[in-house]
N, C-alpha and C. Protein backbone atom coordinates (compact mmCIF):
# COMPACT_ATOMS: atom_id res chain seq x y z
N MET A 1 -67.18 7.61 -228.32
CA MET A 1 -68.25 7.61 -227.33
C MET A 1 -67.80 6.92 -226.04
N GLY A 2 -67.17 5.74 -226.17
CA GLY A 2 -66.73 4.99 -224.99
C GLY A 2 -65.71 5.75 -224.17
N THR A 3 -64.77 6.45 -224.84
CA THR A 3 -63.76 7.22 -224.13
C THR A 3 -64.41 8.35 -223.35
N GLY A 4 -65.41 9.00 -223.94
CA GLY A 4 -66.12 10.08 -223.26
C GLY A 4 -66.83 9.60 -222.00
N ILE A 5 -67.45 8.43 -222.09
CA ILE A 5 -68.13 7.85 -220.92
C ILE A 5 -67.11 7.53 -219.83
N LEU A 6 -65.97 6.94 -220.23
CA LEU A 6 -64.94 6.64 -219.25
C LEU A 6 -64.39 7.91 -218.62
N LEU A 7 -64.18 8.95 -219.42
CA LEU A 7 -63.68 10.22 -218.90
C LEU A 7 -64.67 10.82 -217.91
N MET A 8 -65.96 10.84 -218.27
CA MET A 8 -66.99 11.41 -217.38
C MET A 8 -67.10 10.60 -216.09
N THR A 9 -67.01 9.28 -216.20
CA THR A 9 -67.07 8.43 -215.01
C THR A 9 -65.88 8.73 -214.10
N GLY A 10 -64.69 8.84 -214.67
CA GLY A 10 -63.49 9.15 -213.89
C GLY A 10 -63.57 10.51 -213.24
N LEU A 11 -64.06 11.51 -213.98
CA LEU A 11 -64.20 12.85 -213.41
C LEU A 11 -65.22 12.86 -212.27
N ALA A 12 -66.33 12.16 -212.47
CA ALA A 12 -67.35 12.11 -211.43
C ALA A 12 -66.83 11.41 -210.18
N ARG A 13 -66.13 10.30 -210.38
CA ARG A 13 -65.57 9.55 -209.24
C ARG A 13 -64.54 10.39 -208.50
N GLY A 14 -63.65 11.05 -209.26
CA GLY A 14 -62.62 11.89 -208.64
C GLY A 14 -63.22 13.08 -207.91
N ALA A 15 -64.19 13.74 -208.54
CA ALA A 15 -64.82 14.91 -207.91
C ALA A 15 -65.57 14.51 -206.64
N THR A 16 -66.26 13.39 -206.69
CA THR A 16 -66.99 12.91 -205.53
C THR A 16 -66.04 12.57 -204.39
N SER A 17 -64.98 11.85 -204.70
CA SER A 17 -64.00 11.49 -203.67
C SER A 17 -63.36 12.73 -203.06
N ASN A 18 -62.99 13.67 -203.92
CA ASN A 18 -62.37 14.90 -203.45
C ASN A 18 -63.32 15.69 -202.56
N PHE A 19 -64.58 15.82 -202.99
CA PHE A 19 -65.56 16.56 -202.22
C PHE A 19 -65.78 15.92 -200.85
N CYS A 20 -65.99 14.60 -200.83
CA CYS A 20 -66.25 13.90 -199.58
C CYS A 20 -65.05 13.98 -198.64
N ASN A 21 -63.85 13.79 -199.17
CA ASN A 21 -62.65 13.89 -198.34
C ASN A 21 -62.48 15.29 -197.77
N THR A 22 -62.76 16.32 -198.58
CA THR A 22 -62.65 17.70 -198.12
C THR A 22 -63.65 17.99 -197.02
N VAL A 23 -64.88 17.55 -197.20
CA VAL A 23 -65.91 17.79 -196.18
C VAL A 23 -65.53 17.11 -194.87
N ILE A 24 -65.11 15.86 -194.93
CA ILE A 24 -64.73 15.14 -193.70
C ILE A 24 -63.52 15.81 -193.04
N ASN A 25 -62.53 16.22 -193.84
CA ASN A 25 -61.35 16.90 -193.27
C ASN A 25 -61.72 18.22 -192.62
N ASN A 26 -62.66 18.95 -193.21
CA ASN A 26 -63.09 20.22 -192.62
C ASN A 26 -63.90 20.00 -191.35
N LEU A 27 -64.70 18.95 -191.31
CA LEU A 27 -65.52 18.68 -190.13
C LEU A 27 -64.69 18.14 -188.98
N ALA A 28 -63.67 17.36 -189.27
CA ALA A 28 -62.85 16.74 -188.22
C ALA A 28 -61.39 16.71 -188.67
N PRO A 29 -60.72 17.88 -188.66
CA PRO A 29 -59.34 17.91 -189.15
C PRO A 29 -58.42 17.02 -188.33
N GLY A 30 -57.58 16.29 -189.02
CA GLY A 30 -56.59 15.46 -188.36
C GLY A 30 -57.11 14.14 -187.82
N LYS A 31 -58.36 13.81 -188.08
CA LYS A 31 -58.93 12.55 -187.59
C LYS A 31 -58.96 11.54 -188.73
N ALA A 32 -57.90 10.77 -188.85
CA ALA A 32 -57.78 9.80 -189.95
C ALA A 32 -58.84 8.72 -189.87
N GLY A 33 -59.31 8.42 -188.67
CA GLY A 33 -60.33 7.39 -188.51
C GLY A 33 -61.61 7.72 -189.25
N LEU A 34 -61.98 9.01 -189.29
CA LEU A 34 -63.20 9.39 -190.00
C LEU A 34 -63.04 9.27 -191.51
N ILE A 35 -61.85 9.62 -192.01
CA ILE A 35 -61.60 9.44 -193.45
C ILE A 35 -61.65 7.96 -193.79
N ASN A 36 -61.03 7.13 -192.95
CA ASN A 36 -61.08 5.69 -193.20
C ASN A 36 -62.50 5.16 -193.10
N GLY A 37 -63.30 5.74 -192.21
CA GLY A 37 -64.71 5.37 -192.12
C GLY A 37 -65.46 5.71 -193.40
N LEU A 38 -65.15 6.88 -193.97
CA LEU A 38 -65.75 7.28 -195.24
C LEU A 38 -65.40 6.28 -196.33
N HIS A 39 -64.12 5.91 -196.40
CA HIS A 39 -63.68 4.96 -197.42
C HIS A 39 -64.22 3.56 -197.13
N ALA A 40 -64.46 3.26 -195.87
CA ALA A 40 -65.07 1.97 -195.54
C ALA A 40 -66.49 1.91 -196.10
N MET A 41 -67.22 3.02 -196.05
CA MET A 41 -68.56 3.05 -196.63
C MET A 41 -68.50 2.81 -198.14
N PHE A 42 -67.47 3.36 -198.78
CA PHE A 42 -67.28 3.12 -200.21
C PHE A 42 -67.05 1.63 -200.45
N SER A 43 -66.24 1.00 -199.61
CA SER A 43 -65.97 -0.43 -199.76
C SER A 43 -67.24 -1.26 -199.59
N ILE A 44 -68.07 -0.86 -198.64
CA ILE A 44 -69.33 -1.59 -198.42
C ILE A 44 -70.22 -1.47 -199.65
N GLY A 45 -70.30 -0.26 -200.21
CA GLY A 45 -71.09 -0.06 -201.43
C GLY A 45 -70.52 -0.85 -202.60
N ALA A 46 -69.19 -0.86 -202.71
CA ALA A 46 -68.56 -1.60 -203.80
C ALA A 46 -68.74 -3.10 -203.61
N PHE A 47 -68.87 -3.54 -202.38
CA PHE A 47 -69.13 -4.96 -202.10
C PHE A 47 -70.57 -5.32 -202.48
N LEU A 48 -71.51 -4.48 -202.07
CA LEU A 48 -72.93 -4.81 -202.26
C LEU A 48 -73.41 -4.62 -203.70
N PHE A 49 -72.87 -3.63 -204.40
CA PHE A 49 -73.41 -3.30 -205.71
C PHE A 49 -73.31 -4.44 -206.73
N PRO A 50 -72.16 -5.12 -206.86
CA PRO A 50 -72.14 -6.24 -207.81
C PRO A 50 -73.13 -7.34 -207.46
N ILE A 51 -73.35 -7.54 -206.17
CA ILE A 51 -74.33 -8.55 -205.75
C ILE A 51 -75.73 -8.12 -206.18
N LEU A 52 -76.05 -6.84 -205.99
CA LEU A 52 -77.36 -6.34 -206.43
C LEU A 52 -77.52 -6.48 -207.94
N LEU A 53 -76.47 -6.13 -208.69
CA LEU A 53 -76.56 -6.27 -210.14
C LEU A 53 -76.72 -7.73 -210.55
N MET A 54 -76.06 -8.62 -209.83
CA MET A 54 -76.17 -10.04 -210.11
C MET A 54 -77.61 -10.51 -209.85
N LEU A 55 -78.22 -10.00 -208.80
CA LEU A 55 -79.62 -10.36 -208.50
C LEU A 55 -80.57 -9.84 -209.59
N PHE A 56 -80.31 -8.63 -210.08
CA PHE A 56 -81.13 -8.08 -211.15
C PHE A 56 -81.06 -8.92 -212.42
N THR A 57 -79.88 -9.43 -212.74
CA THR A 57 -79.68 -10.11 -214.02
C THR A 57 -79.65 -11.63 -213.90
N ALA A 58 -79.94 -12.15 -212.73
CA ALA A 58 -79.86 -13.60 -212.53
C ALA A 58 -80.82 -14.38 -213.42
N SER A 59 -81.97 -13.82 -213.70
CA SER A 59 -82.95 -14.56 -214.50
C SER A 59 -82.79 -14.31 -216.00
N GLY A 60 -81.79 -13.52 -216.38
CA GLY A 60 -81.54 -13.31 -217.81
C GLY A 60 -80.90 -11.97 -218.08
N THR A 61 -80.09 -11.94 -219.12
CA THR A 61 -79.37 -10.71 -219.43
C THR A 61 -80.29 -9.58 -219.89
N GLU A 62 -81.51 -9.90 -220.31
CA GLU A 62 -82.43 -8.85 -220.72
C GLU A 62 -82.84 -7.96 -219.54
N ASN A 63 -82.56 -8.40 -218.33
CA ASN A 63 -82.90 -7.61 -217.14
C ASN A 63 -81.89 -6.50 -216.86
N TRP A 64 -80.89 -6.32 -217.73
CA TRP A 64 -79.94 -5.22 -217.55
C TRP A 64 -80.64 -3.87 -217.59
N ILE A 65 -81.78 -3.80 -218.27
CA ILE A 65 -82.53 -2.53 -218.31
C ILE A 65 -82.97 -2.15 -216.90
N TYR A 66 -83.36 -3.13 -216.10
CA TYR A 66 -83.77 -2.86 -214.71
C TYR A 66 -82.57 -2.47 -213.86
N ALA A 67 -81.46 -3.12 -214.09
CA ALA A 67 -80.24 -2.76 -213.38
C ALA A 67 -79.83 -1.33 -213.73
N SER A 68 -79.95 -0.96 -215.00
CA SER A 68 -79.61 0.40 -215.44
C SER A 68 -80.54 1.42 -214.82
N MET A 69 -81.83 1.10 -214.77
CA MET A 69 -82.79 2.01 -214.13
C MET A 69 -82.48 2.16 -212.65
N PHE A 70 -82.13 1.06 -212.00
CA PHE A 70 -81.76 1.10 -210.59
C PHE A 70 -80.56 2.01 -210.38
N MET A 71 -79.53 1.87 -211.22
CA MET A 71 -78.33 2.71 -211.10
C MET A 71 -78.68 4.18 -211.33
N PHE A 72 -79.57 4.45 -212.27
CA PHE A 72 -80.00 5.83 -212.53
C PHE A 72 -80.70 6.41 -211.32
N VAL A 73 -81.61 5.65 -210.72
CA VAL A 73 -82.35 6.13 -209.55
C VAL A 73 -81.39 6.38 -208.37
N ILE A 74 -80.46 5.47 -208.15
CA ILE A 74 -79.48 5.64 -207.06
C ILE A 74 -78.63 6.89 -207.32
N GLY A 75 -78.21 7.09 -208.57
CA GLY A 75 -77.44 8.29 -208.93
C GLY A 75 -78.24 9.56 -208.71
N LEU A 76 -79.51 9.54 -209.07
CA LEU A 76 -80.38 10.70 -208.88
C LEU A 76 -80.55 11.01 -207.40
N ILE A 77 -80.76 9.98 -206.60
CA ILE A 77 -80.89 10.18 -205.14
C ILE A 77 -79.60 10.77 -204.57
N SER A 78 -78.46 10.26 -205.02
CA SER A 78 -77.17 10.80 -204.55
C SER A 78 -77.04 12.27 -204.91
N TRP A 79 -77.42 12.60 -206.13
CA TRP A 79 -77.34 13.98 -206.60
C TRP A 79 -78.22 14.89 -205.73
N ILE A 80 -79.43 14.45 -205.43
CA ILE A 80 -80.34 15.23 -204.59
C ILE A 80 -79.77 15.38 -203.18
N LEU A 81 -79.19 14.30 -202.64
CA LEU A 81 -78.63 14.35 -201.29
C LEU A 81 -77.46 15.34 -201.19
N TYR A 82 -76.69 15.49 -202.27
CA TYR A 82 -75.60 16.47 -202.25
C TYR A 82 -76.13 17.87 -202.01
N PHE A 83 -77.29 18.18 -202.58
CA PHE A 83 -77.87 19.50 -202.38
C PHE A 83 -78.38 19.70 -200.96
N MET A 84 -78.58 18.62 -200.24
CA MET A 84 -79.10 18.71 -198.87
C MET A 84 -77.99 18.81 -197.82
N ILE A 85 -76.73 18.65 -198.24
CA ILE A 85 -75.61 18.73 -197.29
C ILE A 85 -75.45 20.17 -196.83
N PRO A 86 -75.48 20.41 -195.51
CA PRO A 86 -75.27 21.78 -195.03
C PRO A 86 -73.82 22.19 -195.26
N MET A 87 -73.62 23.26 -196.00
CA MET A 87 -72.28 23.69 -196.35
C MET A 87 -71.78 24.85 -195.47
N ASP A 88 -72.58 25.26 -194.49
CA ASP A 88 -72.17 26.34 -193.61
C ASP A 88 -70.90 25.94 -192.86
N GLY A 89 -69.96 26.82 -192.83
CA GLY A 89 -68.73 26.57 -192.08
C GLY A 89 -67.70 25.74 -192.83
N LEU A 90 -68.01 25.29 -194.04
CA LEU A 90 -67.06 24.48 -194.79
C LEU A 90 -66.18 25.30 -195.72
N ALA A 91 -66.59 26.54 -195.98
CA ALA A 91 -65.79 27.39 -196.86
C ALA A 91 -64.58 27.93 -196.11
N ILE A 92 -63.51 28.17 -196.84
CA ILE A 92 -62.31 28.75 -196.24
C ILE A 92 -62.56 30.24 -196.03
N PRO A 93 -62.37 30.73 -194.79
CA PRO A 93 -62.59 32.17 -194.55
C PRO A 93 -61.69 33.01 -195.46
N LYS A 94 -62.20 34.20 -195.85
CA LYS A 94 -61.46 35.04 -196.79
C LYS A 94 -60.09 35.44 -196.27
N LYS A 95 -59.95 35.64 -194.98
CA LYS A 95 -58.65 36.06 -194.46
C LYS A 95 -57.61 34.93 -194.55
N GLU A 96 -58.06 33.67 -194.64
CA GLU A 96 -57.12 32.56 -194.77
C GLU A 96 -56.73 32.30 -196.22
N LYS A 97 -57.52 32.81 -197.15
CA LYS A 97 -57.20 32.62 -198.56
C LYS A 97 -56.06 33.56 -198.91
N LYS A 98 -55.07 33.01 -199.59
CA LYS A 98 -53.94 33.83 -200.03
C LYS A 98 -53.74 33.58 -201.52
N ALA A 99 -53.76 34.66 -202.27
CA ALA A 99 -53.56 34.53 -203.71
C ALA A 99 -52.16 34.01 -203.99
N GLY A 100 -52.07 33.03 -204.85
CA GLY A 100 -50.77 32.50 -205.25
C GLY A 100 -50.07 31.69 -204.19
N ASN A 101 -50.79 31.17 -203.21
CA ASN A 101 -50.16 30.36 -202.16
C ASN A 101 -50.04 28.92 -202.64
N TYR A 102 -49.00 28.65 -203.39
CA TYR A 102 -48.77 27.32 -203.94
C TYR A 102 -47.50 26.72 -203.38
N GLY A 103 -47.20 27.02 -202.12
CA GLY A 103 -46.00 26.51 -201.47
C GLY A 103 -45.97 25.00 -201.34
N PHE A 104 -47.15 24.37 -201.37
CA PHE A 104 -47.18 22.91 -201.25
C PHE A 104 -46.47 22.22 -202.41
N PHE A 105 -46.33 22.92 -203.56
CA PHE A 105 -45.60 22.34 -204.68
C PHE A 105 -44.12 22.13 -204.36
N LYS A 106 -43.63 22.83 -203.35
CA LYS A 106 -42.22 22.70 -202.96
C LYS A 106 -42.02 21.60 -201.93
N GLU A 107 -43.11 21.02 -201.44
CA GLU A 107 -43.04 19.99 -200.40
C GLU A 107 -42.89 18.61 -201.02
N PRO A 108 -41.82 17.88 -200.68
CA PRO A 108 -41.67 16.51 -201.20
C PRO A 108 -42.82 15.60 -200.76
N LEU A 109 -43.41 15.85 -199.58
CA LEU A 109 -44.52 15.03 -199.09
C LEU A 109 -45.71 15.11 -200.04
N PHE A 110 -45.93 16.27 -200.64
CA PHE A 110 -47.02 16.43 -201.60
C PHE A 110 -46.86 15.44 -202.76
N TYR A 111 -45.66 15.36 -203.31
CA TYR A 111 -45.42 14.47 -204.44
C TYR A 111 -45.45 13.00 -204.01
N LEU A 112 -44.99 12.72 -202.81
CA LEU A 112 -45.07 11.35 -202.29
C LEU A 112 -46.53 10.91 -202.18
N CYS A 113 -47.37 11.81 -201.67
CA CYS A 113 -48.81 11.49 -201.56
C CYS A 113 -49.45 11.30 -202.93
N ILE A 114 -49.10 12.15 -203.89
CA ILE A 114 -49.65 12.04 -205.24
C ILE A 114 -49.27 10.69 -205.86
N VAL A 115 -48.00 10.33 -205.76
CA VAL A 115 -47.53 9.08 -206.35
C VAL A 115 -48.18 7.88 -205.64
N THR A 116 -48.27 7.96 -204.31
CA THR A 116 -48.89 6.87 -203.55
C THR A 116 -50.35 6.69 -203.95
N LEU A 117 -51.10 7.78 -204.02
CA LEU A 117 -52.51 7.69 -204.41
C LEU A 117 -52.66 7.17 -205.84
N PHE A 118 -51.80 7.63 -206.74
CA PHE A 118 -51.87 7.18 -208.12
C PHE A 118 -51.71 5.67 -208.21
N PHE A 119 -50.65 5.15 -207.59
CA PHE A 119 -50.40 3.72 -207.69
C PHE A 119 -51.41 2.91 -206.89
N TYR A 120 -51.88 3.47 -205.78
CA TYR A 120 -52.89 2.77 -204.99
C TYR A 120 -54.17 2.60 -205.80
N LEU A 121 -54.67 3.68 -206.38
CA LEU A 121 -55.91 3.60 -207.14
C LEU A 121 -55.75 2.75 -208.40
N CYS A 122 -54.61 2.88 -209.07
CA CYS A 122 -54.37 2.04 -210.26
C CYS A 122 -54.32 0.56 -209.88
N ALA A 123 -53.63 0.27 -208.79
CA ALA A 123 -53.53 -1.13 -208.37
C ALA A 123 -54.89 -1.67 -207.95
N GLU A 124 -55.62 -0.87 -207.19
CA GLU A 124 -56.93 -1.31 -206.71
C GLU A 124 -57.85 -1.64 -207.88
N GLN A 125 -58.00 -0.71 -208.79
CA GLN A 125 -58.92 -0.93 -209.91
C GLN A 125 -58.36 -1.95 -210.90
N GLY A 126 -57.07 -1.90 -211.13
CA GLY A 126 -56.46 -2.82 -212.09
C GLY A 126 -56.56 -4.27 -211.65
N VAL A 127 -56.25 -4.53 -210.40
CA VAL A 127 -56.28 -5.91 -209.90
C VAL A 127 -57.70 -6.44 -209.91
N ILE A 128 -58.63 -5.65 -209.43
CA ILE A 128 -60.02 -6.11 -209.40
C ILE A 128 -60.53 -6.36 -210.82
N GLY A 129 -60.32 -5.40 -211.71
CA GLY A 129 -60.77 -5.57 -213.09
C GLY A 129 -60.10 -6.74 -213.78
N TRP A 130 -58.79 -6.89 -213.56
CA TRP A 130 -58.06 -7.98 -214.20
C TRP A 130 -58.57 -9.33 -213.70
N LEU A 131 -58.76 -9.48 -212.40
CA LEU A 131 -59.20 -10.77 -211.87
C LEU A 131 -60.58 -11.15 -212.37
N VAL A 132 -61.49 -10.18 -212.39
CA VAL A 132 -62.84 -10.48 -212.86
C VAL A 132 -62.78 -10.93 -214.32
N THR A 133 -62.04 -10.18 -215.14
CA THR A 133 -61.89 -10.54 -216.56
C THR A 133 -61.20 -11.89 -216.72
N TYR A 134 -60.15 -12.11 -215.96
CA TYR A 134 -59.39 -13.36 -216.06
C TYR A 134 -60.28 -14.57 -215.75
N PHE A 135 -60.98 -14.51 -214.63
CA PHE A 135 -61.83 -15.65 -214.24
C PHE A 135 -62.95 -15.87 -215.25
N LYS A 136 -63.51 -14.78 -215.78
CA LYS A 136 -64.60 -14.89 -216.74
C LYS A 136 -64.08 -15.42 -218.09
N ASP A 137 -62.99 -14.85 -218.58
CA ASP A 137 -62.48 -15.23 -219.90
C ASP A 137 -61.89 -16.65 -219.94
N THR A 138 -61.31 -17.08 -218.85
CA THR A 138 -60.72 -18.43 -218.83
C THR A 138 -61.76 -19.50 -218.58
N GLY A 139 -62.95 -19.10 -218.14
CA GLY A 139 -63.99 -20.06 -217.84
C GLY A 139 -63.83 -20.73 -216.48
N LEU A 140 -62.85 -20.26 -215.70
CA LEU A 140 -62.68 -20.82 -214.35
C LEU A 140 -63.91 -20.55 -213.48
N LEU A 141 -64.52 -19.39 -213.69
CA LEU A 141 -65.75 -19.03 -212.97
C LEU A 141 -66.73 -18.46 -213.98
N ASN A 142 -68.02 -18.65 -213.72
CA ASN A 142 -68.98 -18.01 -214.63
C ASN A 142 -69.01 -16.51 -214.33
N PRO A 143 -69.53 -15.69 -215.24
CA PRO A 143 -69.44 -14.23 -215.10
C PRO A 143 -70.00 -13.68 -213.79
N SER A 144 -71.12 -14.20 -213.33
CA SER A 144 -71.70 -13.65 -212.09
C SER A 144 -70.85 -14.00 -210.88
N VAL A 145 -70.25 -15.19 -210.86
CA VAL A 145 -69.38 -15.56 -209.75
C VAL A 145 -68.08 -14.76 -209.82
N SER A 146 -67.61 -14.46 -211.03
CA SER A 146 -66.42 -13.61 -211.18
C SER A 146 -66.67 -12.24 -210.56
N GLN A 147 -67.86 -11.70 -210.80
CA GLN A 147 -68.22 -10.41 -210.22
C GLN A 147 -68.32 -10.51 -208.71
N LEU A 148 -68.79 -11.64 -208.21
CA LEU A 148 -68.85 -11.87 -206.77
C LEU A 148 -67.45 -11.86 -206.16
N MET A 149 -66.47 -12.34 -206.93
CA MET A 149 -65.08 -12.32 -206.49
C MET A 149 -64.63 -10.87 -206.24
N ALA A 150 -65.08 -9.95 -207.10
CA ALA A 150 -64.76 -8.53 -206.90
C ALA A 150 -65.35 -8.05 -205.58
N SER A 151 -66.55 -8.49 -205.26
CA SER A 151 -67.16 -8.11 -203.98
C SER A 151 -66.34 -8.62 -202.81
N MET A 152 -65.82 -9.82 -202.92
CA MET A 152 -65.00 -10.37 -201.84
C MET A 152 -63.71 -9.56 -201.67
N GLN A 153 -63.17 -9.08 -202.79
CA GLN A 153 -61.97 -8.25 -202.68
C GLN A 153 -62.28 -6.94 -201.97
N TRP A 154 -63.47 -6.40 -202.20
CA TRP A 154 -63.85 -5.17 -201.51
C TRP A 154 -63.98 -5.42 -200.01
N ILE A 155 -64.44 -6.59 -199.63
CA ILE A 155 -64.52 -6.91 -198.20
C ILE A 155 -63.12 -6.91 -197.58
N MET A 156 -62.16 -7.47 -198.30
CA MET A 156 -60.78 -7.49 -197.81
C MET A 156 -60.22 -6.07 -197.71
N MET A 157 -60.55 -5.22 -198.69
CA MET A 157 -60.10 -3.83 -198.62
C MET A 157 -60.78 -3.10 -197.46
N LEU A 158 -62.05 -3.42 -197.21
CA LEU A 158 -62.74 -2.84 -196.07
C LEU A 158 -62.04 -3.22 -194.77
N ALA A 159 -61.66 -4.48 -194.65
CA ALA A 159 -60.94 -4.93 -193.45
C ALA A 159 -59.62 -4.17 -193.32
N GLY A 160 -58.92 -3.98 -194.43
CA GLY A 160 -57.67 -3.22 -194.40
C GLY A 160 -57.88 -1.78 -193.99
N ARG A 161 -58.92 -1.16 -194.51
CA ARG A 161 -59.20 0.25 -194.16
C ARG A 161 -59.57 0.38 -192.69
N LEU A 162 -60.36 -0.55 -192.19
CA LEU A 162 -60.71 -0.48 -190.77
C LEU A 162 -59.48 -0.72 -189.89
N LEU A 163 -58.61 -1.62 -190.31
CA LEU A 163 -57.37 -1.85 -189.58
C LEU A 163 -56.51 -0.58 -189.56
N VAL A 164 -56.39 0.07 -190.70
CA VAL A 164 -55.60 1.31 -190.77
C VAL A 164 -56.26 2.41 -189.94
N ALA A 165 -57.59 2.48 -189.93
CA ALA A 165 -58.27 3.47 -189.09
C ALA A 165 -57.94 3.24 -187.63
N TRP A 166 -57.93 2.01 -187.23
CA TRP A 166 -57.59 1.68 -185.83
C TRP A 166 -56.12 1.98 -185.55
N LEU A 167 -55.24 1.58 -186.47
CA LEU A 167 -53.81 1.82 -186.28
C LEU A 167 -53.47 3.31 -186.27
N SER A 168 -54.21 4.11 -187.03
CA SER A 168 -53.92 5.54 -187.12
C SER A 168 -54.13 6.25 -185.79
N THR A 169 -54.89 5.65 -184.90
CA THR A 169 -55.08 6.26 -183.57
C THR A 169 -54.01 5.80 -182.59
N ARG A 170 -53.19 4.82 -182.99
CA ARG A 170 -52.20 4.25 -182.07
C ARG A 170 -50.75 4.36 -182.55
N VAL A 171 -50.55 4.56 -183.85
CA VAL A 171 -49.21 4.59 -184.42
C VAL A 171 -48.99 5.95 -185.07
N ASP A 172 -47.81 6.53 -184.88
CA ASP A 172 -47.45 7.82 -185.46
C ASP A 172 -47.53 7.73 -186.98
N LYS A 173 -48.16 8.73 -187.61
CA LYS A 173 -48.35 8.70 -189.06
C LYS A 173 -47.03 8.65 -189.81
N ASN A 174 -45.96 9.22 -189.25
CA ASN A 174 -44.66 9.18 -189.92
C ASN A 174 -44.10 7.76 -189.97
N LYS A 175 -44.54 6.90 -189.09
CA LYS A 175 -44.14 5.49 -189.13
C LYS A 175 -45.14 4.67 -189.94
N LEU A 176 -46.41 5.03 -189.84
CA LEU A 176 -47.45 4.25 -190.48
C LEU A 176 -47.47 4.41 -192.01
N LEU A 177 -47.25 5.63 -192.50
CA LEU A 177 -47.30 5.87 -193.95
C LEU A 177 -46.26 5.07 -194.72
N PRO A 178 -44.99 5.03 -194.30
CA PRO A 178 -44.02 4.19 -195.05
C PRO A 178 -44.38 2.69 -195.01
N ILE A 179 -44.91 2.24 -193.90
CA ILE A 179 -45.31 0.82 -193.81
C ILE A 179 -46.44 0.54 -194.79
N MET A 180 -47.43 1.43 -194.82
CA MET A 180 -48.57 1.26 -195.75
C MET A 180 -48.08 1.36 -197.19
N GLY A 181 -47.15 2.29 -197.46
CA GLY A 181 -46.62 2.44 -198.81
C GLY A 181 -45.90 1.19 -199.28
N ALA A 182 -45.13 0.58 -198.39
CA ALA A 182 -44.43 -0.66 -198.75
C ALA A 182 -45.43 -1.78 -198.97
N GLY A 183 -46.51 -1.79 -198.20
CA GLY A 183 -47.54 -2.83 -198.35
C GLY A 183 -48.26 -2.69 -199.66
């Protein structure tokens, strides 16, 4: 059961990220600042959500039912909002579609991007999850403060994303990507 929930959560997160990135790229191709703005909104949500959950459960762990209901309602609202997104002009015109056009598999940049995203997402989630667990399990911080630490990390990631959005308008991407990869 737990593996299924984790799989569904991962698929939902991946599909949502892919959909949002595709829509932003179609609306403003080549504008990295808008993609970083999208990811900045994710960071803000990731910062605020643990704080909201902490407020729900501050008076006792039995209040997790209210936190769960809140998450359900937010998920339902998100689902409804997806249906309200105007999709006109976002589809690829039929003349641009080419059957079997998989030339990107021959591009080394494609694999570099895949590897970079893989390690970036693993590092992001791994470090945050590890630190929260570490502080909670060692007793250095109580569980709610440990979760607050995760929120602070999201603020730092937000600052990094905004910095990269600003730099992407001033520095050539061929110079910026290796620097970010090394970082």
